Amino acid sequence: MSAVEFRPRKIRTVAVVSAVFLVVVFTIVGLLLGDTPTGVIFRTSDQVAMIILGVLLACGVLLLTRPRVRADESGVEVRNVVTAHRFEWSEVLHVSFPDGASWARLELPDDEYVSIMAVQAVDREHAVAAVRALRELHKAATR
C-alpha cells in the first residue's frame, strides 16, 4: 500500500462557514459602531479594532481545519490543531477508535496515546476508511 493522507471533512466545512460569518458580523458591527445613540463616541481605531478582532477569531476557528494524518510504509505523521508528531510504525502498538471517542488514536507503549484529530467520528465512512488504511499500513510494517 502506498502513502495515504486524511483530513477531517465536516469540521472543515463548519469552520470555513463560521470564519466567514465571524468576519462579516464583526465587520458590520465595526462599521456600525460610529453611529450609536448611546452617547458613547467610537473612533475609527475602535471600528478597525472590531474588524481585526473578527479576523483574529476567524483565524482561530480556521485552526480546526489544520488536522491531518499522513502515513506510508515507514511511519505515520499526525498533525493536530497545534502539535505535529512523526512516529515510526515500530513505535505504534495499535491504531484504535475507542467506543464513544470523537477521534481515532495511536496507541503507544506505556499506556500513552496520541489523538488523530484528522479522523473524526462525525465523518463516519471517511473515518472508517482512514482507520482501515492506517491499520493496513501498520500491519504491513510490523510483520
N, C-alpha and C. Protein backbone atom coordinates (compact mmCIF):
# COMPACT_ATOMS: atom_id res chain seq x y z
N MET A 1 0.85 -1.18 0.00
CA MET A 1 0.00 0.00 0.00
C MET A 1 0.89 1.24 0.00
N SER A 2 0.51 2.22 -0.77
CA SER A 2 1.30 3.46 -0.85
C SER A 2 0.89 4.43 0.25
N ALA A 3 1.45 5.60 0.19
CA ALA A 3 1.17 6.62 1.21
C ALA A 3 -0.29 7.07 1.16
N VAL A 4 -0.83 7.38 2.34
CA VAL A 4 -2.21 7.87 2.45
C VAL A 4 -2.21 9.17 3.24
N GLU A 5 -3.22 9.99 2.98
CA GLU A 5 -3.38 11.23 3.73
C GLU A 5 -4.87 11.43 3.97
N PHE A 6 -5.20 11.79 5.21
CA PHE A 6 -6.59 12.03 5.55
C PHE A 6 -6.71 13.34 6.32
N ARG A 7 -7.79 14.05 6.05
CA ARG A 7 -8.15 15.28 6.75
C ARG A 7 -9.62 15.17 7.14
N PRO A 8 -10.02 15.86 8.19
CA PRO A 8 -11.43 15.81 8.56
C PRO A 8 -12.28 16.51 7.49
N ARG A 9 -13.52 16.09 7.33
CA ARG A 9 -14.36 16.69 6.29
C ARG A 9 -15.37 17.68 6.85
N LYS A 10 -16.23 17.21 7.72
CA LYS A 10 -17.33 18.08 8.18
C LYS A 10 -16.84 19.29 8.95
N ILE A 11 -15.86 19.11 9.81
CA ILE A 11 -15.38 20.23 10.61
C ILE A 11 -14.75 21.31 9.73
N ARG A 12 -14.18 20.90 8.62
CA ARG A 12 -13.59 21.89 7.71
C ARG A 12 -14.67 22.79 7.13
N THR A 13 -15.78 22.20 6.73
CA THR A 13 -16.89 22.99 6.19
C THR A 13 -17.45 23.92 7.26
N VAL A 14 -17.68 23.38 8.44
CA VAL A 14 -18.23 24.18 9.54
C VAL A 14 -17.27 25.32 9.90
N ALA A 15 -15.99 25.03 9.95
CA ALA A 15 -15.00 26.05 10.33
C ALA A 15 -14.93 27.17 9.29
N VAL A 16 -14.94 26.84 8.03
CA VAL A 16 -14.86 27.87 6.98
C VAL A 16 -16.11 28.75 7.02
N VAL A 17 -17.28 28.13 7.11
CA VAL A 17 -18.53 28.91 7.18
C VAL A 17 -18.53 29.80 8.43
N SER A 18 -18.11 29.25 9.55
CA SER A 18 -18.06 30.03 10.80
C SER A 18 -17.08 31.19 10.70
N ALA A 19 -15.94 30.95 10.09
CA ALA A 19 -14.93 32.00 9.95
C ALA A 19 -15.46 33.15 9.08
N VAL A 20 -16.10 32.81 7.98
CA VAL A 20 -16.67 33.84 7.12
C VAL A 20 -17.75 34.61 7.88
N PHE A 21 -18.60 33.89 8.61
CA PHE A 21 -19.65 34.52 9.40
C PHE A 21 -19.06 35.50 10.42
N LEU A 22 -18.01 35.08 11.12
CA LEU A 22 -17.38 35.95 12.11
C LEU A 22 -16.83 37.22 11.49
N VAL A 23 -16.16 37.09 10.37
CA VAL A 23 -15.59 38.28 9.72
C VAL A 23 -16.71 39.22 9.28
N VAL A 24 -17.76 38.67 8.69
CA VAL A 24 -18.87 39.50 8.22
C VAL A 24 -19.54 40.21 9.40
N VAL A 25 -19.87 39.47 10.45
CA VAL A 25 -20.56 40.06 11.60
C VAL A 25 -19.70 41.13 12.27
N PHE A 26 -18.43 40.83 12.51
CA PHE A 26 -17.57 41.82 13.18
C PHE A 26 -17.30 43.03 12.28
N THR A 27 -17.29 42.84 10.99
CA THR A 27 -17.13 43.97 10.07
C THR A 27 -18.37 44.86 10.12
N ILE A 28 -19.54 44.25 10.08
CA ILE A 28 -20.78 45.02 10.16
C ILE A 28 -20.86 45.77 11.49
N VAL A 29 -20.57 45.07 12.58
CA VAL A 29 -20.60 45.72 13.90
C VAL A 29 -19.57 46.85 13.95
N GLY A 30 -18.39 46.60 13.43
CA GLY A 30 -17.35 47.63 13.42
C GLY A 30 -17.76 48.85 12.63
N LEU A 31 -18.40 48.64 11.49
CA LEU A 31 -18.83 49.78 10.68
C LEU A 31 -19.99 50.53 11.31
N LEU A 32 -20.83 49.83 12.05
CA LEU A 32 -21.98 50.47 12.68
C LEU A 32 -21.63 51.12 14.02
N LEU A 33 -20.45 50.90 14.53
CA LEU A 33 -20.05 51.47 15.82
C LEU A 33 -20.05 53.00 15.82
N GLY A 34 -19.82 53.58 14.68
CA GLY A 34 -19.73 55.03 14.62
C GLY A 34 -21.05 55.73 14.90
N ASP A 35 -22.15 55.08 14.62
CA ASP A 35 -23.47 55.70 14.78
C ASP A 35 -24.25 55.02 15.89
N THR A 36 -23.98 55.38 17.13
CA THR A 36 -24.74 54.81 18.24
C THR A 36 -25.46 55.92 18.99
N PRO A 37 -26.71 55.68 19.36
CA PRO A 37 -27.48 56.69 20.08
C PRO A 37 -27.18 56.71 21.59
N THR A 38 -26.18 55.97 22.04
CA THR A 38 -25.90 55.86 23.47
C THR A 38 -25.08 57.02 24.01
N GLY A 39 -24.53 57.82 23.16
CA GLY A 39 -23.70 58.92 23.60
C GLY A 39 -22.22 58.57 23.68
N VAL A 40 -21.91 57.30 23.52
CA VAL A 40 -20.51 56.86 23.52
C VAL A 40 -19.90 57.21 22.17
N ILE A 41 -18.70 57.73 22.20
CA ILE A 41 -18.03 58.10 20.95
C ILE A 41 -17.03 57.01 20.58
N PHE A 42 -17.28 56.39 19.45
CA PHE A 42 -16.35 55.39 18.93
C PHE A 42 -15.52 56.04 17.83
N ARG A 43 -14.25 55.83 17.90
CA ARG A 43 -13.35 56.40 16.90
C ARG A 43 -13.11 55.37 15.79
N THR A 44 -12.46 55.81 14.77
CA THR A 44 -12.11 54.92 13.66
C THR A 44 -11.24 53.76 14.15
N SER A 45 -10.36 54.04 15.10
CA SER A 45 -9.50 52.98 15.62
C SER A 45 -10.32 51.89 16.32
N ASP A 46 -11.43 52.25 16.97
CA ASP A 46 -12.31 51.27 17.60
C ASP A 46 -12.99 50.41 16.54
N GLN A 47 -13.39 51.04 15.46
CA GLN A 47 -14.03 50.30 14.38
C GLN A 47 -13.04 49.31 13.74
N VAL A 48 -11.84 49.78 13.49
CA VAL A 48 -10.81 48.92 12.90
C VAL A 48 -10.48 47.78 13.86
N ALA A 49 -10.39 48.09 15.15
CA ALA A 49 -10.09 47.05 16.14
C ALA A 49 -11.17 45.97 16.16
N MET A 50 -12.42 46.36 16.00
CA MET A 50 -13.51 45.39 15.98
C MET A 50 -13.39 44.46 14.77
N ILE A 51 -13.05 45.03 13.63
CA ILE A 51 -12.88 44.22 12.42
C ILE A 51 -11.68 43.28 12.58
N ILE A 52 -10.59 43.79 13.14
CA ILE A 52 -9.40 42.95 13.36
C ILE A 52 -9.72 41.83 14.34
N LEU A 53 -10.51 42.12 15.36
CA LEU A 53 -10.93 41.08 16.30
C LEU A 53 -11.69 39.98 15.59
N GLY A 54 -12.57 40.35 14.68
CA GLY A 54 -13.30 39.35 13.89
C GLY A 54 -12.38 38.49 13.05
N VAL A 55 -11.39 39.11 12.45
CA VAL A 55 -10.41 38.37 11.64
C VAL A 55 -9.60 37.41 12.51
N LEU A 56 -9.17 37.89 13.69
CA LEU A 56 -8.41 37.02 14.60
C LEU A 56 -9.24 35.84 15.08
N LEU A 57 -10.49 36.08 15.42
CA LEU A 57 -11.37 34.97 15.83
C LEU A 57 -11.58 33.99 14.68
N ALA A 58 -11.72 34.50 13.47
CA ALA A 58 -11.88 33.64 12.31
C ALA A 58 -10.62 32.79 12.10
N CYS A 59 -9.45 33.39 12.29
CA CYS A 59 -8.20 32.63 12.18
C CYS A 59 -8.14 31.52 13.23
N GLY A 60 -8.61 31.83 14.43
CA GLY A 60 -8.66 30.80 15.47
C GLY A 60 -9.57 29.65 15.10
N VAL A 61 -10.71 29.96 14.53
CA VAL A 61 -11.65 28.92 14.09
C VAL A 61 -11.03 28.10 12.95
N LEU A 62 -10.31 28.77 12.07
CA LEU A 62 -9.70 28.06 10.94
C LEU A 62 -8.59 27.10 11.37
N LEU A 63 -8.09 27.24 12.59
CA LEU A 63 -7.12 26.26 13.09
C LEU A 63 -7.73 24.85 13.14
N LEU A 64 -9.04 24.78 13.24
CA LEU A 64 -9.71 23.47 13.26
C LEU A 64 -9.61 22.74 11.92
N THR A 65 -9.20 23.45 10.88
CA THR A 65 -9.02 22.80 9.57
C THR A 65 -7.61 22.24 9.42
N ARG A 66 -6.74 22.47 10.37
CA ARG A 66 -5.34 22.07 10.29
C ARG A 66 -5.07 20.57 10.45
N PRO A 67 -5.85 19.81 11.23
CA PRO A 67 -5.50 18.40 11.44
C PRO A 67 -5.36 17.60 10.14
N ARG A 68 -4.33 16.74 10.16
CA ARG A 68 -4.03 15.89 9.01
C ARG A 68 -3.26 14.68 9.52
N VAL A 69 -3.46 13.55 8.89
CA VAL A 69 -2.64 12.38 9.17
C VAL A 69 -2.09 11.88 7.83
N ARG A 70 -0.79 11.66 7.80
CA ARG A 70 -0.11 11.09 6.62
C ARG A 70 0.60 9.84 7.07
N ALA A 71 0.47 8.81 6.29
CA ALA A 71 1.14 7.56 6.64
C ALA A 71 1.69 6.89 5.39
N ASP A 72 2.80 6.20 5.57
CA ASP A 72 3.39 5.41 4.49
C ASP A 72 3.97 4.15 5.11
N GLU A 73 4.77 3.45 4.35
CA GLU A 73 5.32 2.17 4.83
C GLU A 73 6.22 2.33 6.04
N SER A 74 6.85 3.48 6.19
CA SER A 74 7.81 3.66 7.29
C SER A 74 7.21 4.19 8.58
N GLY A 75 6.13 4.97 8.47
CA GLY A 75 5.57 5.53 9.69
C GLY A 75 4.36 6.41 9.44
N VAL A 76 4.00 7.15 10.47
CA VAL A 76 2.80 7.98 10.41
C VAL A 76 3.11 9.36 11.00
N GLU A 77 2.60 10.39 10.35
CA GLU A 77 2.74 11.75 10.84
C GLU A 77 1.34 12.24 11.21
N VAL A 78 1.19 12.68 12.46
CA VAL A 78 -0.09 13.17 12.96
C VAL A 78 0.06 14.66 13.24
N ARG A 79 -0.71 15.46 12.53
CA ARG A 79 -0.72 16.91 12.77
C ARG A 79 -2.10 17.27 13.31
N ASN A 80 -2.14 17.73 14.55
CA ASN A 80 -3.39 18.15 15.17
C ASN A 80 -3.48 19.67 15.11
N VAL A 81 -4.33 20.27 15.90
CA VAL A 81 -4.54 21.71 15.83
C VAL A 81 -3.25 22.49 16.09
N VAL A 82 -2.50 22.12 17.11
CA VAL A 82 -1.28 22.86 17.43
C VAL A 82 -0.01 22.02 17.34
N THR A 83 -0.11 20.74 17.48
CA THR A 83 1.09 19.90 17.53
C THR A 83 1.20 19.00 16.30
N ALA A 84 2.41 18.53 16.07
CA ALA A 84 2.67 17.56 15.00
C ALA A 84 3.68 16.56 15.51
N HIS A 85 3.44 15.29 15.22
CA HIS A 85 4.34 14.22 15.65
C HIS A 85 4.54 13.25 14.50
N ARG A 86 5.73 12.70 14.44
CA ARG A 86 6.05 11.64 13.46
C ARG A 86 6.45 10.41 14.25
N PHE A 87 5.84 9.28 13.92
CA PHE A 87 6.14 8.02 14.59
C PHE A 87 6.49 6.97 13.55
N GLU A 88 7.52 6.19 13.86
CA GLU A 88 7.80 5.01 13.05
C GLU A 88 6.77 3.96 13.45
N TRP A 89 6.41 3.07 12.54
CA TRP A 89 5.40 2.06 12.86
C TRP A 89 5.84 1.16 14.01
N SER A 90 7.15 1.01 14.17
CA SER A 90 7.64 0.17 15.27
C SER A 90 7.33 0.77 16.63
N GLU A 91 7.09 2.07 16.70
CA GLU A 91 6.74 2.74 17.96
C GLU A 91 5.25 2.63 18.28
N VAL A 92 4.44 2.27 17.30
CA VAL A 92 2.98 2.25 17.45
C VAL A 92 2.51 0.83 17.76
N LEU A 93 1.74 0.69 18.84
CA LEU A 93 1.19 -0.63 19.19
C LEU A 93 -0.07 -0.93 18.39
N HIS A 94 -0.99 0.04 18.32
CA HIS A 94 -2.27 -0.15 17.62
C HIS A 94 -2.77 1.18 17.08
N VAL A 95 -3.63 1.08 16.09
CA VAL A 95 -4.44 2.21 15.65
C VAL A 95 -5.84 1.89 16.13
N SER A 96 -6.40 2.73 16.99
CA SER A 96 -7.70 2.40 17.57
C SER A 96 -8.69 3.54 17.43
N PHE A 97 -9.95 3.19 17.60
CA PHE A 97 -11.03 4.17 17.63
C PHE A 97 -11.98 3.72 18.72
N PRO A 98 -11.68 4.09 19.98
CA PRO A 98 -12.48 3.61 21.10
C PRO A 98 -13.96 4.01 21.00
N ASP A 99 -14.83 3.19 21.54
CA ASP A 99 -16.26 3.49 21.57
C ASP A 99 -16.49 4.82 22.25
N GLY A 100 -17.29 5.66 21.63
CA GLY A 100 -17.63 6.95 22.21
C GLY A 100 -16.59 8.03 22.01
N ALA A 101 -15.46 7.71 21.42
CA ALA A 101 -14.40 8.70 21.20
C ALA A 101 -14.75 9.61 20.02
N SER A 102 -14.26 10.82 20.06
CA SER A 102 -14.51 11.76 18.97
C SER A 102 -13.57 11.54 17.79
N TRP A 103 -12.38 11.01 18.07
CA TRP A 103 -11.42 10.77 17.01
C TRP A 103 -10.58 9.54 17.31
N ALA A 104 -9.90 9.07 16.27
CA ALA A 104 -9.05 7.89 16.38
C ALA A 104 -7.78 8.24 17.16
N ARG A 105 -7.01 7.21 17.48
CA ARG A 105 -5.75 7.48 18.18
C ARG A 105 -4.73 6.39 17.91
N LEU A 106 -3.47 6.75 18.12
CA LEU A 106 -2.37 5.80 18.03
C LEU A 106 -2.04 5.38 19.45
N GLU A 107 -2.07 4.08 19.69
CA GLU A 107 -1.70 3.54 21.00
C GLU A 107 -0.20 3.34 21.01
N LEU A 108 0.45 3.91 22.02
CA LEU A 108 1.91 3.84 22.15
C LEU A 108 2.28 3.04 23.39
N PRO A 109 3.54 2.67 23.54
CA PRO A 109 3.95 1.95 24.75
C PRO A 109 3.70 2.76 26.02
N ASP A 110 3.67 2.07 27.16
CA ASP A 110 3.49 2.68 28.48
C ASP A 110 2.16 3.41 28.63
N ASP A 111 1.10 2.86 28.06
CA ASP A 111 -0.25 3.41 28.16
C ASP A 111 -0.35 4.84 27.65
N GLU A 112 0.51 5.22 26.74
CA GLU A 112 0.45 6.54 26.11
C GLU A 112 -0.35 6.43 24.82
N TYR A 113 -0.91 7.53 24.39
CA TYR A 113 -1.56 7.57 23.09
C TYR A 113 -1.54 8.98 22.53
N VAL A 114 -1.71 9.07 21.21
CA VAL A 114 -1.78 10.35 20.52
C VAL A 114 -3.08 10.37 19.74
N SER A 115 -3.90 11.38 19.97
CA SER A 115 -5.16 11.52 19.25
C SER A 115 -4.88 11.89 17.80
N ILE A 116 -5.69 11.33 16.91
CA ILE A 116 -5.61 11.66 15.49
C ILE A 116 -6.86 12.47 15.16
N MET A 117 -6.78 13.78 15.34
CA MET A 117 -7.95 14.64 15.15
C MET A 117 -8.40 14.72 13.70
N ALA A 118 -7.59 14.24 12.78
CA ALA A 118 -7.97 14.23 11.37
C ALA A 118 -8.97 13.14 11.06
N VAL A 119 -9.08 12.16 11.95
CA VAL A 119 -10.01 11.05 11.75
C VAL A 119 -11.10 11.18 12.81
N GLN A 120 -12.20 11.83 12.44
CA GLN A 120 -13.25 12.17 13.39
C GLN A 120 -14.50 11.31 13.20
N ALA A 121 -15.14 11.00 14.31
CA ALA A 121 -16.33 10.15 14.29
C ALA A 121 -17.45 10.74 13.43
N VAL A 122 -17.58 12.05 13.40
CA VAL A 122 -18.66 12.67 12.63
C VAL A 122 -18.50 12.45 11.12
N ASP A 123 -17.32 12.07 10.67
CA ASP A 123 -17.09 11.81 9.25
C ASP A 123 -17.46 10.39 8.83
N ARG A 124 -17.93 9.61 9.74
CA ARG A 124 -18.45 8.25 9.55
C ARG A 124 -17.62 7.39 8.59
N GLU A 125 -18.09 7.18 7.36
CA GLU A 125 -17.43 6.26 6.43
C GLU A 125 -16.01 6.72 6.08
N HIS A 126 -15.81 8.00 6.02
CA HIS A 126 -14.46 8.53 5.77
C HIS A 126 -13.52 8.12 6.91
N ALA A 127 -14.02 8.19 8.15
CA ALA A 127 -13.22 7.80 9.31
C ALA A 127 -12.95 6.29 9.30
N VAL A 128 -13.93 5.51 8.93
CA VAL A 128 -13.74 4.05 8.86
C VAL A 128 -12.67 3.72 7.83
N ALA A 129 -12.74 4.36 6.66
CA ALA A 129 -11.74 4.11 5.62
C ALA A 129 -10.35 4.53 6.09
N ALA A 130 -10.26 5.63 6.80
CA ALA A 130 -8.97 6.11 7.30
C ALA A 130 -8.37 5.13 8.31
N VAL A 131 -9.17 4.67 9.25
CA VAL A 131 -8.68 3.73 10.27
C VAL A 131 -8.25 2.42 9.61
N ARG A 132 -9.03 1.95 8.67
CA ARG A 132 -8.66 0.70 7.97
C ARG A 132 -7.34 0.86 7.22
N ALA A 133 -7.17 1.99 6.53
CA ALA A 133 -5.92 2.21 5.79
C ALA A 133 -4.73 2.30 6.74
N LEU A 134 -4.90 3.00 7.85
CA LEU A 134 -3.81 3.11 8.82
C LEU A 134 -3.49 1.75 9.43
N ARG A 135 -4.50 0.97 9.72
CA ARG A 135 -4.27 -0.37 10.29
C ARG A 135 -3.56 -1.28 9.30
N GLU A 136 -3.92 -1.19 8.01
CA GLU A 136 -3.24 -1.99 6.99
C GLU A 136 -1.76 -1.62 6.90
N LEU A 137 -1.47 -0.33 6.89
CA LEU A 137 -0.07 0.10 6.84
C LEU A 137 0.69 -0.34 8.09
N HIS A 138 0.06 -0.23 9.23
CA HIS A 138 0.69 -0.66 10.48
C HIS A 138 0.96 -2.16 10.45
N LYS A 139 -0.03 -2.92 10.02
CA LYS A 139 0.12 -4.39 9.96
C LYS A 139 1.23 -4.79 9.00
N ALA A 140 1.27 -4.15 7.82
CA ALA A 140 2.29 -4.48 6.84
C ALA A 140 3.70 -4.12 7.35
N ALA A 141 3.81 -3.05 8.07
CA ALA A 141 5.12 -2.59 8.54
C ALA A 141 5.62 -3.36 9.76
N THR A 142 4.71 -3.96 10.54
CA THR A 142 5.14 -4.62 11.78
C THR A 142 5.15 -6.14 11.67
N ARG A 143 5.04 -6.68 10.50
CA ARG A 143 5.11 -8.14 10.33
C ARG A 143 6.49 -8.67 10.59
